[in-house]
Every structure is written in structure tokens, then in C-alpha cells.
Amino acid sequence: MLVLYDIEACPYCRLVREVLCELDLDAVIYPCPVGGMRFRPDALDISGVSQFPLLLDPNTGDQILESADIIDHLYKHYGNARRHSPRGLRRKLAVTGSMAASAARSVGGVRGLKAVPSYAAKQPLELFSFESSPYSRPVRELLTELEIPYILRNFAKSRWQEMGPPLVRSRWFPDAPITSPNRQRLRELTGRSQVPYLIDPNTGVSMFESVDIMAYLKDVYGRK
């Protein structure tokens, strides 16, 4: 599985996560918020610089900094090799759009950027999510702030029938085939196609609903 040293609020990290989602690729996420000491030192040892995102690909042996280079690598090895990260003006526009996504949620401070006191998780958690989900994003932000590693199970929508809330899909398109492996897996596990869905192997807890997940993470891993 791919490994990504990541900061949820970082616009360059977001561009990489978007492509991971687009290509339906899972990854182990090691959150490296500002002020964090759990995984940032490891990233520094690996790359020699405190810069994110940092991708480790055990399938090719590559260690890659720079979001554009990471995206090119992902397309080359896991997608359409003719596609590349945008450059020049298109690159600037992509970064600006990515920054705006964080700015829109920065009332009271940028979320998913700075570390908060927390207890370490012995094993990575597992999160079914997709990058643009407004319900998944707050969970990823909190996981970053708490420096909790997790396996990101990307859950991108691959058919137009999958658009909209679960109630609409189940009512109007109950027989639409599920083409995403993670959508199939979650349906087998829970009978539902809904994100976010968190699995914590450390406690045996599994749960839907972002508000409940965040309350759980604060209660179990947050230092009072």
C-alpha cells in the first residue's frame, strides 16, 4: 500500500489526495501537522527536509516530494500514463483552488493544520472517505490534528447514479451496479454505501456519522 506523509489543510497535499481518490487508490496516511512530533521526524529522516506531501511507493521503491511529481508518478504507474499534473498557469489555478478549500473552513483557525495534545494509536485506524465529501473532511482534519495514522479507503463515485445522498440512491437506483472496490467492501460490511465510516482496530469500534466519529476520536485519543 502507498504511504503518504500528509497535512490535511495543505493545498499541495490536497492535490495529491484528489488524484488518489480519482484513481481509487488506498494509502496509509501519516498525519504531520504543524507542531506534531509523532511522524514529522520520520518524514525528515526519509527526505532530509520538512516538506509535505511525501509519498513512499513500496511497489516501485520511489520516495517522492513535490505534489506535481507525486501526481505524475501516480498517473504513470496507476492510471493513464499520458496524463500529468498541470503546470504553469493551470498549476497555479489548481493550487489556488486547493487553498480556497481550506480558507472556506478557516473561521477560528485553519482546521487540520496544527497538532493538538493526543494519545497515540497503536494501530492505524481505517477510514472510508472521498476527498470532496463535506462530511469526511472534518474527520480527516481531526485525525490530522490528533496525529492518528489511518488507512484511507477512497470511496470515489464512479457512476452518475451514485450521486446524491444514500436515500436517493437506494430509492431511485437500487439496482445500479457498484463498481468501486471500496464501495463493494463497505456494502458487504455494513449494507450501506455512506461515508465517512471509521474502523478502529484498537478498540473494535466501527461507526458512521461524522459528528459521532469526531466525538469518539476526541474522547478516546484527545488529551483533556
Foldseek 3Di string as FASTA:
>chain_A
DKEKADFLLQLLRLLLQQLCLVLQHKYKYFFDAVVDDPCQVVVCVVPVDSADTWMADPVVRDIDGDSQVSQQVCCCPRNPNVDGQDDDPVNVVSSVVSNVVQVVVQVVHGFRHAAAAWAEAPDAKEWEDASPDPLVSNVNSLCNNLRGIHIYRRQDDDDPLPDDDQVSSCVPPVPDDDDRPVQVVVCVVPVGRDDTWIARPRVRDIDHTSVVSSVVCCVHINDD
